[in-house]
Protein backbone atom coordinates (compact mmCIF):
# COMPACT_ATOMS: atom_id res chain seq x y z
CA MET A 1 177.79 26.74 24.11
CA TYR A 2 174.94 26.58 22.37
CA LYS A 3 176.45 22.68 21.53
CA LYS A 4 176.04 21.72 24.19
CA LEU A 5 173.18 22.56 25.12
CA TYR A 6 171.43 21.47 22.61
CA VAL A 7 173.61 18.24 23.89
CA LEU A 8 171.88 18.21 26.86
CA ILE A 9 168.34 18.75 25.54
CA LEU A 10 168.49 15.81 23.45
CA VAL A 11 169.84 13.96 26.01
CA VAL A 12 166.93 14.47 28.28
CA ILE A 13 164.24 13.95 25.22
CA LEU A 14 165.79 10.52 24.43
CA ALA A 15 165.91 9.38 28.66
CA PHE A 16 162.35 10.37 28.88
CA SER A 17 161.52 8.69 25.65
CA CYS A 18 163.09 5.48 27.22
CA SER A 19 161.44 6.11 30.49
CA LYS A 20 157.71 6.99 28.70
CA LYS A 21 158.51 3.52 26.91
CA GLU A 22 159.19 1.34 29.62
CA ASP A 23 156.15 2.57 31.54
CA PHE A 24 153.90 0.38 29.17
CA ALA A 25 152.37 -2.99 30.56
CA ASN A 26 151.97 -5.83 27.96
CA ILE A 27 149.37 -8.34 28.66
CA THR A 28 148.44 -11.06 26.95
CA PHE A 29 144.24 -12.45 27.47
CA LEU A 30 143.57 -16.22 25.79
CA HIS A 31 139.52 -16.69 25.35
CA ILE A 32 137.39 -19.50 24.58
CA ASN A 33 133.72 -19.45 25.28
CA ASP A 34 130.78 -22.66 25.27
CA THR A 35 133.13 -25.39 25.17
CA HIS A 36 130.83 -27.92 25.53
CA SER A 37 132.58 -30.75 26.40
CA LYS A 38 133.68 -31.25 23.26
CA HIS A 39 137.03 -33.24 23.73
CA LEU A 40 137.34 -35.26 21.26
CA ALA A 41 139.12 -33.71 18.06
CA ALA A 42 137.12 -34.17 14.79
CA ILE A 43 139.72 -36.04 11.86
CA ARG A 44 138.25 -34.42 8.17
CA THR A 45 139.84 -34.74 4.78
CA ASP A 46 139.57 -32.25 2.09
CA LYS A 47 137.95 -33.29 -0.66
CA GLU A 48 139.78 -31.46 -3.62
CA THR A 49 143.52 -31.64 -1.78
CA GLY A 50 142.90 -35.25 -0.02
CA ALA A 51 144.72 -33.06 2.72
CA VAL A 52 144.22 -34.41 6.54
CA SER A 53 143.18 -32.16 9.57
CA THR A 54 142.53 -32.58 13.25
CA ASN A 55 140.24 -30.27 14.15
CA GLY A 56 139.26 -28.94 17.63
CA GLY A 57 139.40 -31.32 20.51
CA SER A 58 140.63 -30.66 24.50
CA SER A 59 143.87 -31.54 23.70
CA GLN A 60 144.55 -29.24 21.01
CA LEU A 61 143.35 -26.57 23.23
CA ALA A 62 145.25 -27.31 26.00
CA HIS A 63 148.78 -27.33 24.18
CA LEU A 64 147.81 -23.83 22.37
CA ILE A 65 147.07 -22.60 25.83
CA LYS A 66 150.15 -24.03 27.01
CA SER A 67 152.76 -23.18 24.19
CA ILE A 68 151.35 -19.43 24.16
CA LYS A 69 152.13 -19.23 28.21
CA GLU A 70 155.20 -20.62 27.79
CA THR A 71 156.45 -17.88 25.70
CA ASN A 72 154.40 -15.02 28.03
CA ILE A 73 154.49 -14.95 31.76
CA ASN A 74 152.41 -11.42 31.69
CA THR A 75 149.32 -14.30 29.93
CA MET A 76 145.84 -14.95 31.45
CA ALA A 77 143.62 -18.02 29.98
CA ILE A 78 139.88 -17.41 30.74
CA HIS A 79 136.70 -19.63 29.84
CA GLY A 80 133.51 -17.88 28.80
CA GLY A 81 131.47 -20.36 30.09
CA ASP A 82 129.15 -23.73 29.43
CA VAL A 83 131.98 -26.10 29.59
CA VAL A 84 128.97 -28.89 30.43
CA THR A 85 126.75 -30.19 27.91
CA GLY A 86 126.98 -30.79 24.13
CA SER A 87 128.59 -34.43 24.19
CA VAL A 88 128.22 -37.92 25.41
CA PHE A 89 131.20 -36.80 28.18
CA SER A 90 128.56 -35.04 30.10
CA ILE A 91 126.31 -37.83 29.63
CA ILE A 92 128.03 -40.48 31.40
CA TYR A 93 130.26 -37.56 33.69
CA GLU A 94 127.99 -34.80 34.08
CA GLY A 95 130.35 -32.33 33.48
CA LEU A 96 132.43 -32.99 36.39
CA GLU A 97 135.87 -34.53 33.32
CA SER A 98 135.32 -31.13 31.90
CA SER A 99 136.75 -29.14 35.49
CA ASP A 100 140.04 -31.53 35.43
CA ILE A 101 140.53 -30.78 31.94
CA LEU A 102 140.59 -27.25 32.29
CA ASN A 103 142.94 -27.64 35.21
CA MET A 104 145.63 -29.25 33.31
CA SER A 105 144.82 -26.35 30.42
CA GLY A 106 146.19 -23.70 32.52
CA PHE A 107 142.69 -21.82 32.60
CA ASP A 108 143.10 -19.25 35.32
CA LEU A 109 139.84 -17.71 35.23
CA ALA A 110 136.01 -18.50 33.99
CA VAL A 111 132.46 -17.52 34.21
CA LEU A 112 129.01 -19.55 35.08
CA GLY A 113 127.58 -20.62 31.90
CA ASN A 114 124.23 -21.80 32.07
CA HIS A 115 124.97 -25.05 31.09
CA GLU A 116 126.71 -25.24 34.07
CA PHE A 117 123.08 -26.20 36.05
CA ASP A 118 122.18 -28.98 33.33
CA PHE A 119 122.55 -31.65 36.17
CA GLY A 120 121.08 -29.69 39.17
CA LEU A 121 122.66 -27.58 41.70
CA GLU A 122 124.10 -29.95 43.48
CA ARG A 123 126.39 -31.22 40.76
CA ALA A 124 127.34 -27.75 39.89
CA TYR A 125 129.10 -27.70 43.39
CA GLU A 126 130.91 -30.57 42.55
CA ILE A 127 131.98 -29.07 39.25
CA LEU A 128 133.40 -25.83 40.91
CA GLU A 129 134.85 -27.84 43.64
CA ILE A 130 136.77 -29.66 41.14
CA ARG A 131 138.49 -26.30 39.99
CA LYS A 132 141.54 -25.25 40.43
CA PHE A 133 141.33 -21.77 39.52
CA PRO A 134 138.42 -19.07 40.38
CA THR A 135 135.19 -18.80 38.90
CA ILE A 136 132.81 -15.41 39.13
CA THR A 137 129.22 -14.58 38.58
CA LEU A 138 127.69 -11.73 39.80
CA ASN A 139 124.13 -12.44 39.65
CA ALA A 140 123.74 -15.92 40.51
CA TYR A 141 121.93 -16.89 44.03
CA GLU A 142 121.01 -19.85 45.61
CA LYS A 143 116.59 -19.01 45.88
CA ASP A 144 116.40 -20.49 49.72
CA THR A 145 119.33 -18.71 51.60
CA GLY A 146 120.20 -15.76 49.25
CA LYS A 147 123.73 -17.02 49.33
CA GLN A 148 126.03 -16.62 45.85
CA ILE A 149 126.88 -19.52 44.15
CA VAL A 150 130.25 -18.16 43.25
CA PRO A 151 131.58 -14.35 44.16
CA SER A 152 131.24 -11.81 41.87
CA THR A 153 134.77 -10.16 41.41
CA PHE A 154 138.32 -12.04 41.46
CA VAL A 155 141.42 -9.42 41.62
CA THR A 156 144.90 -10.23 40.31
CA ASN A 157 147.95 -8.07 39.42
CA ILE A 158 149.94 -8.97 35.70
CA ALA A 159 152.85 -6.90 34.83
CA GLY A 160 152.24 -4.34 37.87
CA LYS A 161 148.86 -3.49 36.87
CA SER A 162 145.47 -4.35 39.17
CA ILE A 163 143.23 -5.85 36.42
CA LEU A 164 139.58 -6.14 38.50
CA PHE A 165 137.28 -9.29 37.22
CA ILE A 166 133.70 -9.24 37.27
CA GLY A 167 131.29 -12.07 36.22
CA VAL A 168 128.23 -11.87 34.80
CA LEU A 169 125.27 -15.02 33.67
CA THR A 170 122.45 -14.54 31.27
CA SER A 171 119.01 -13.69 33.47
CA ASP A 172 117.07 -15.58 30.01
CA GLU A 173 114.76 -18.02 30.64
CA VAL A 174 117.06 -20.64 29.57
CA TYR A 175 116.91 -23.02 33.55
CA ALA A 176 113.39 -23.73 33.88
CA ASP A 177 113.85 -27.52 32.33
CA LYS A 178 117.00 -27.82 34.94
CA ASP A 179 115.92 -26.14 37.65
CA GLU A 180 112.80 -27.82 38.74
CA GLU A 181 112.89 -27.64 42.16
CA GLY A 182 113.72 -23.57 42.04
CA GLN A 183 116.64 -23.62 43.92
CA PHE A 184 118.89 -21.05 41.80
CA ILE A 185 118.11 -17.40 40.60
CA VAL A 186 119.34 -15.50 38.35
CA ASN A 187 119.01 -11.70 38.59
CA ASP A 188 119.31 -9.16 35.54
CA GLU A 189 123.08 -8.55 34.51
CA ILE A 190 122.61 -5.10 34.36
CA ASP A 191 120.22 -4.32 37.12
CA SER A 192 123.24 -6.20 39.19
CA LEU A 193 126.37 -4.45 37.60
CA THR A 194 124.36 -1.03 38.54
CA GLU A 195 124.00 -1.84 42.34
CA LEU A 196 127.66 -3.19 42.33
CA PHE A 197 129.02 -0.05 41.01
CA LYS A 198 126.88 1.62 43.80
CA SER A 199 127.91 -0.55 46.31
CA ASP A 200 131.84 -1.23 45.91
CA LYS A 201 133.66 1.69 45.33
CA SER A 202 136.73 0.22 45.66
CA ILE A 203 136.20 -0.91 41.91
CA GLU A 204 137.32 2.57 40.76
CA THR A 205 140.76 2.00 42.49
CA ASN A 206 141.95 -0.74 39.92
CA ASP A 207 144.23 -0.14 37.14
CA LEU A 208 142.01 -2.13 34.71
CA LEU A 209 138.22 -3.45 34.59
CA VAL A 210 137.47 -6.42 32.64
CA LEU A 211 133.74 -8.33 32.36
CA VAL A 212 133.33 -12.21 31.72
CA SER A 213 130.04 -12.19 30.06
CA HIS A 214 127.79 -15.67 29.53
CA SER A 215 125.05 -13.21 28.73
CA GLY A 216 125.57 -12.99 24.82
CA PHE A 217 126.69 -10.69 22.17
CA GLU A 218 123.75 -8.20 22.33
CA ASN A 219 123.31 -7.89 25.99
CA ASP A 220 127.38 -7.37 26.08
CA LYS A 221 126.52 -4.26 23.63
CA GLU A 222 123.78 -3.14 25.73
CA ILE A 223 126.06 -3.05 28.78
CA ALA A 224 129.03 -1.51 27.06
CA THR A 225 126.23 1.23 26.30
CA LYS A 226 124.59 1.65 29.34
CA PHE A 227 128.17 1.59 31.21
CA PRO A 228 130.31 4.05 28.84
CA ASN A 229 133.91 3.78 29.17
CA LYS A 230 133.70 1.84 32.60
CA PHE A 231 134.62 -1.72 31.33
CA ASP A 232 138.32 -2.14 29.25
CA ILE A 233 137.47 -5.42 28.02
CA ILE A 234 134.38 -7.55 27.81
CA ILE A 235 135.14 -11.07 27.38
CA GLY A 236 131.53 -12.93 26.07
CA GLY A 237 130.18 -16.13 25.87
CA HIS A 238 126.61 -17.52 25.14
CA THR A 239 125.45 -16.90 21.43
CA HIS A 240 128.41 -18.10 19.87
CA THR A 241 128.68 -15.12 18.21
CA PHE A 242 131.80 -15.34 16.30
CA LEU A 243 133.75 -12.00 16.23
CA PRO A 244 136.71 -12.19 13.89
CA GLU A 245 137.36 -8.63 15.31
CA PRO A 246 136.75 -6.93 18.18
CA VAL A 247 133.99 -4.74 18.33
CA GLU A 248 134.35 -1.29 20.35
CA ILE A 249 131.30 0.36 21.68
CA ASN A 250 132.07 3.59 24.42
CA ASN A 251 135.89 2.40 24.39
CA THR A 252 135.00 -1.08 25.44
CA ILE A 253 136.62 -3.95 23.56
CA ILE A 254 134.08 -6.96 22.92
CA LEU A 255 135.31 -9.96 22.39
CA GLN A 256 133.53 -14.04 21.42
CA LEU A 257 134.19 -16.40 19.65
CA ASN A 258 132.14 -19.79 18.42
CA SER A 259 131.25 -22.76 20.11
CA ASN A 260 132.63 -25.96 20.38
CA ILE A 261 136.68 -25.70 20.44
CA LYS A 262 137.24 -24.20 16.73
CA GLU A 263 139.19 -20.99 17.79
CA LEU A 264 141.07 -19.23 20.67
CA GLY A 265 141.46 -15.57 20.79
CA LYS A 266 144.31 -13.59 21.42
CA LEU A 267 144.36 -10.08 22.69
CA ASP A 268 147.27 -8.57 23.27
CA ILE A 269 146.96 -5.17 25.01
CA LYS A 270 149.53 -2.62 26.01
CA VAL A 271 148.10 -0.09 28.82
CA ASP A 272 150.12 3.17 29.40
CA SER A 273 150.90 4.33 33.10
CA ASP A 274 147.88 6.29 33.11
CA ASN A 275 146.33 2.85 32.82
CA ASN A 276 144.54 3.44 29.39
CA ILE A 277 144.58 0.78 26.57
CA ASP A 278 147.29 2.30 23.96
CA SER A 279 147.11 0.02 21.41
CA TYR A 280 145.95 -3.44 20.95
CA GLU A 281 146.64 -6.72 18.58
CA TYR A 282 143.92 -9.51 18.52
CA GLN A 283 143.97 -12.52 16.67
CA TYR A 284 141.86 -15.38 16.62
CA ILE A 285 143.83 -18.73 16.17
CA PRO A 286 142.03 -21.90 14.57
CA ILE A 287 142.07 -24.72 16.45
CA VAL A 288 143.69 -26.92 13.25
CA ASN A 289 146.84 -29.34 13.19
CA VAL A 290 148.06 -27.53 16.55
CA GLY A 291 149.17 -30.32 18.14
CA MET A 292 148.09 -32.57 21.24
CA ASP A 293 148.57 -32.32 24.94
CA GLU A 294 149.77 -35.56 26.39
CA GLU A 295 148.87 -35.22 29.81
CA VAL A 296 144.76 -34.08 28.36
CA GLU A 297 144.58 -36.62 25.93
CA LYS A 298 145.72 -39.76 27.66
CA TYR A 299 142.74 -38.11 30.68
CA VAL A 300 140.57 -37.76 27.33
CA MET A 301 141.08 -41.68 25.86
CA ASP A 302 140.63 -43.03 29.36
CA LYS A 303 137.35 -41.66 29.96
CA LYS A 304 136.01 -42.48 26.76
CA VAL A 305 136.10 -45.80 27.93
CA LEU A 306 133.05 -46.00 29.71
CA VAL A 307 131.76 -43.49 27.18
CA ASP A 308 132.20 -46.38 24.09
CA GLU A 309 131.06 -48.68 26.10
CA ARG A 310 127.55 -47.04 27.33
CA MET A 311 127.23 -45.04 23.98
CA GLY A 312 128.58 -47.22 21.24
CA SER A 313 125.78 -48.86 19.75
CA LYS A 314 125.60 -48.68 15.84
CA ILE A 315 122.41 -46.40 14.48
CA ALA A 316 123.22 -45.83 11.45
CA MET A 317 125.84 -44.99 8.50
CA LEU A 318 126.15 -41.98 7.11
CA SER A 319 127.98 -41.42 3.59
CA ASP A 320 129.62 -38.42 3.97
CA THR A 321 129.86 -35.26 6.63
CA LEU A 322 126.93 -32.98 7.44
CA ASP A 323 128.67 -29.63 8.67
CA ASP A 324 127.20 -27.27 11.66
CA SER A 325 129.21 -24.27 11.02
CA ASN A 326 126.58 -22.23 9.10
CA LEU A 327 123.31 -23.63 11.27
CA GLY A 328 122.55 -19.87 12.64
CA ARG A 329 123.26 -17.98 9.56
CA GLU A 330 121.23 -20.00 6.77
CA SER A 331 119.97 -22.89 5.14
CA THR A 332 121.96 -26.13 5.71
CA VAL A 333 121.63 -29.49 4.56
CA LEU A 334 121.96 -30.69 8.03
CA GLY A 335 119.42 -28.18 8.81
CA ASN A 336 116.50 -29.17 6.44
CA PHE A 337 117.28 -32.75 7.13
CA ILE A 338 116.35 -32.16 10.96
CA SER A 339 113.78 -29.96 10.42
CA ASP A 340 111.98 -32.24 7.13
CA ILE A 341 112.48 -35.33 9.64
CA VAL A 342 110.47 -33.70 12.29
CA TYR A 343 107.76 -32.10 9.51
CA ASP A 344 107.17 -35.92 7.87
CA GLU A 345 106.40 -37.36 11.50
CA PHE A 346 103.67 -35.14 11.76
CA SER A 347 102.57 -34.57 8.08
CA ASP A 348 98.87 -36.22 9.24
CA ARG A 349 98.03 -33.34 11.34
CA ASP A 350 98.58 -31.72 7.89
CA ILE A 351 100.74 -28.80 9.20
CA ASP A 352 102.49 -25.57 7.38
CA PHE A 353 105.97 -26.26 8.02
CA VAL A 354 108.34 -27.21 10.90
CA PHE A 355 110.62 -24.86 12.75
CA LEU A 356 113.37 -25.40 15.33
CA ASN A 357 116.34 -23.75 16.96
CA SER A 358 119.82 -24.34 15.19
CA GLY A 359 121.03 -24.18 19.09
CA SER A 360 119.65 -27.11 19.76
CA VAL A 361 122.39 -29.07 17.03
CA ARG A 362 125.41 -29.34 18.69
CA SER A 363 128.03 -31.23 16.64
CA PRO A 364 128.26 -31.95 12.95
CA LEU A 365 127.39 -35.21 11.83
CA GLU A 366 130.52 -37.03 10.72
CA LYS A 367 130.89 -39.75 7.89
CA GLY A 368 130.85 -43.20 8.81
CA ILE A 369 129.15 -45.09 12.01
CA ILE A 370 126.62 -42.94 13.62
CA THR A 371 126.33 -44.36 17.24
CA LEU A 372 123.95 -43.71 20.05
CA GLY A 373 126.58 -41.12 21.52
CA THR A 374 126.29 -39.48 17.83
CA MET A 375 123.18 -38.89 18.05
CA TYR A 376 123.62 -37.27 21.90
CA GLU A 377 126.06 -35.45 20.71
CA ILE A 378 124.74 -33.76 17.88
CA HIS A 379 121.23 -33.09 19.95
CA PRO A 380 121.64 -33.59 23.69
CA PHE A 381 118.73 -31.76 24.86
CA ASP A 382 115.42 -33.43 25.94
CA ASN A 383 113.21 -31.10 23.09
CA MET A 384 109.53 -32.05 22.96
CA ALA A 385 107.58 -31.79 20.09
CA VAL A 386 104.81 -28.83 20.31
CA TYR A 387 101.84 -28.01 17.65
CA PHE A 388 100.60 -25.27 17.82
CA GLU A 389 98.30 -22.71 15.13
CA ALA A 390 99.04 -18.93 14.62
CA LYS A 391 98.31 -15.88 12.60
CA GLY A 392 100.69 -14.67 9.63
CA SER A 393 101.54 -12.07 10.74
CA VAL A 394 102.74 -14.22 14.36
CA VAL A 395 104.67 -16.18 11.93
CA ARG A 396 106.12 -12.86 10.23
CA ASP A 397 107.17 -11.60 13.82
CA ILE A 398 109.00 -15.07 14.42
CA LEU A 399 110.79 -14.98 11.06
CA THR A 400 111.71 -11.58 12.13
CA MET A 401 113.14 -12.55 15.08
CA SER A 402 115.20 -15.26 13.79
CA ALA A 403 116.74 -13.08 10.68
CA ILE A 404 117.25 -10.28 12.43
CA ASP A 405 117.26 -10.63 16.18
CA ASN A 406 118.86 -14.32 16.54
CA TYR A 407 121.07 -14.39 13.18
CA GLY A 408 124.21 -15.80 14.00
CA SER A 409 122.86 -17.56 17.55
CA GLY A 410 121.55 -20.80 18.17
CA GLY A 411 117.95 -18.98 17.96
CA PHE A 412 117.98 -18.76 14.40
CA VAL A 413 115.99 -21.42 12.97
CA MET A 414 116.35 -24.36 11.30
CA LEU A 415 112.85 -24.59 8.21
CA SER A 416 111.30 -27.53 7.33
CA LYS A 417 110.25 -27.85 3.46
CA GLY A 418 107.15 -26.01 2.99
CA ILE A 419 108.29 -22.40 3.74
CA VAL A 420 110.64 -20.04 1.52
CA VAL A 421 111.87 -16.79 3.63
CA THR A 422 113.81 -13.98 1.67
CA VAL A 423 115.63 -11.42 3.73
CA SER A 424 116.94 -7.90 2.04
CA ASP A 425 120.02 -6.85 2.17
CA LYS A 426 119.04 -4.29 4.72
CA LYS A 427 118.11 -6.86 7.22
CA VAL A 428 113.92 -7.11 6.41
CA VAL A 429 112.07 -10.12 5.90
CA GLU A 430 111.11 -9.30 2.22
CA SER A 431 109.02 -12.05 1.26
CA VAL A 432 107.51 -15.25 2.94
CA MET A 433 106.46 -18.27 1.09
CA ILE A 434 104.37 -21.24 2.66
CA ASN A 435 103.52 -24.16 0.24
CA GLY A 436 103.90 -21.48 -2.70
CA GLU A 437 101.66 -18.67 -1.86
CA PRO A 438 102.22 -15.50 -0.60
CA ILE A 439 101.76 -15.27 3.42
CA ASP A 440 98.88 -14.10 4.80
CA ASP A 441 98.76 -11.93 7.75
CA ASN A 442 95.18 -12.91 8.59
CA LYS A 443 95.03 -16.58 7.14
CA VAL A 444 96.15 -18.88 10.30
CA TYR A 445 98.61 -21.24 10.03
CA LYS A 446 99.75 -24.92 11.79
CA MET A 447 103.22 -25.24 12.85
CA ILE A 448 105.76 -27.70 15.09
CA THR A 449 108.20 -26.51 16.88
CA SER A 450 109.90 -27.54 20.17
CA ASP A 451 108.96 -26.98 23.80
CA TRP A 452 112.04 -24.64 24.36
CA LEU A 453 111.05 -22.32 21.51
CA PHE A 454 107.31 -22.32 22.61
CA SER A 455 107.81 -21.80 26.21
CA GLY A 456 109.94 -18.27 24.88
CA GLY A 457 113.97 -19.85 24.92
CA ASP A 458 115.87 -17.23 22.35
CA GLY A 459 113.60 -14.84 22.69
CA TYR A 460 110.74 -15.87 21.01
CA ALA A 461 107.99 -14.93 23.90
CA MET A 462 105.57 -14.04 21.24
CA ILE A 463 104.91 -17.66 20.31
CA LYS A 464 103.24 -18.75 23.41
CA GLU A 465 101.43 -15.50 23.92
CA ASN A 466 99.76 -15.77 20.50
CA ALA A 467 99.40 -19.68 20.27
CA GLU A 468 96.13 -21.02 19.50
CA ASN A 469 94.90 -24.85 19.70
CA THR A 470 98.32 -25.84 21.84
CA GLN A 471 99.17 -29.60 21.81
CA TYR A 472 102.46 -30.09 23.70
CA ILE A 473 102.60 -33.58 21.81
CA GLY A 474 105.01 -35.21 23.82
CA THR A 475 107.55 -36.75 21.40
CA ASP A 476 111.29 -36.50 21.97
CA VAL A 477 113.12 -34.68 19.11
CA ARG A 478 116.49 -36.82 19.78
CA ASP A 479 114.18 -39.72 20.06
CA LEU A 480 112.60 -39.30 16.45
CA LEU A 481 115.96 -38.57 15.00
CA MET A 482 117.03 -42.05 16.23
CA ARG A 483 114.01 -43.72 15.06
CA THR A 484 114.40 -42.17 11.42
CA PHE A 485 118.03 -43.06 11.03
CA GLU A 486 117.63 -46.72 11.92
CA SER A 487 115.19 -46.99 9.83
CA MET A 488 117.17 -45.44 6.98
CA GLU A 489 120.17 -47.62 7.76
CA ILE A 490 122.31 -45.92 4.69
CA ILE A 491 121.95 -42.13 4.88
CA ASP A 492 122.71 -40.66 1.32
CA VAL A 493 124.14 -37.23 1.83
CA GLU A 494 123.81 -36.86 -1.76
CA SER A 495 120.00 -37.58 -1.85
CA LEU A 496 119.15 -35.00 0.99
CA ASP A 497 117.37 -31.63 0.60
CA SER A 498 119.46 -28.81 -0.25
CA THR A 499 117.16 -26.20 -0.74
CA ASN A 500 117.43 -23.04 0.16
CA ARG A 501 114.51 -22.04 2.74
CA TRP A 502 116.34 -18.50 3.92
CA ILE A 503 117.61 -16.46 0.92
CA PHE A 504 119.80 -13.74 2.21
C-alpha cells in the first residue's frame, strides 16, 4: 500500500516538474548600435603572427545575424540607432543605402538615432520609408504639426510571450547644426516615459517590457533607477559604451556595445510562467572572420563604384595603421596627432593647448593610401575651430567632465601637446600640468576646441558659460587635417608623438 503511494507521489512530482519545465519560454535578442554606415570590412595583418583578419563590415554582420536566426526562430534582431554618418557611403547616399542593408540583414526593429537627422527631416522620412521593419521613438515630434515622427511602441509575440518595445531618443543638444529650420523637437526621455505610463495603462498587460534607447549609458542607468522593476531589458546606444556583460539596476538588464560594427550582442533569456526572466546568458560576438553575406556584399560593392569615383583622389600615404579603438579612454597616437595638427596651426595665437572630442573621429587611419574618402571616414563632421580663454578652475571642470562623466564615450577629449592630466584610481583629477607648470585655478589659459564642444555638446555647458575673448575662427578641422596630410605626403607613424597626455 505504502509502496504504491510513494510511486504515485513520485509520478506526480515528476509530472509537475516536467510541466513546469515546459512553461519556460526561450527568447534571443540580437543587438547592435551606432553602426554609422561602416559597410566595408577592414583587412588587417597581425604584426607578430602575420595572420590576416577581416574585421567588421555590413556583409559580415548580415551573415552573423542570418546564421543565428536560421538556428533559432525565437530570435529578434534590434538596432540601437545611428545607422547614418561615419563613412563616405553616407556622404554620397545620405543614409538611404543603410536602410537597404538593414532590410537584407534581417533586422526586426530599430530606434531612431540622432544621426538619422543629419541630412534633414525630409531625408530622415525617406530613410524610414525604405525600411521593411518598424522604427520606434516616443519623444521625437514635428515642431509645426506636433505629429510623432515614428510610433512610440511596437508589440510582438515570441515563444508565446507578448513583448512591448518602447523607443527613446537622446534629448541632448545634438541637433542644432542639422535642424537649422527647426523642423523637429525631441522631448526629455524621462518626462516622456512618465507621461506614457500615466496615459497608457495597457502597457502593463504585456508579458515583457523592453526599452530600445538611443539615449546613452548614463541616461539608461537613470531610467532604470527612476522606473524600478519596470523594464526587463534596456537595449542601448548613442555613447558607444562597450559593456562586455550586462549591467543590472533594479532588475533591469542594460546592454550596449561599441560603434562601427565591431561586435554583435546576443542575449538569451528564459522566461517563466509568471513572465519573469528566470535566467539569462549573454555574449558579445566579435565580428571578425565570421563570413560574408553574398547579397549584402554585392550590394555594397555596387554602391562603392560611385563612392570610389567621387572620393578616390589620393591625399597622402600612411606607413602603418593608427587605431581608434581606445580614443575614448586614453591617450593614443591618433588622438595626439590630430590634436597636435590643430595646435600647430594656431600656435601663433600663443595657445596653451587644444582639446577635441574623441567622438569626432569615427574610424582608424588604415595603413596605405589616404584618399579624400578616408578623410570623410575619419572625420565626417563639419566641426569648426573656436578660440577662447578661461580660468584654470574652468579648465579643471572641463577635464573632470572628460575623465569622469565622459570616460569611455565620444565626449572624452583628445589633448594636444602642452598639457598632461593625471587621474587617480578613485577617478579624481589629481594633477594638471600645463606647459610644465601645475594648473593655477585663477590664471587665464588660451585654448582651441571645436564648435561642437564649445556650444555645450557632450555635456560641456561650462565652456561657453565661462569663456572669455571667444573667437569663432571658421577653420574646418577636417579641411585642416587634409591640408596637413597632403603637405606631409608620407606620414611616418613611428615619428609621431606617443606621449601619454592622460595618465590613469
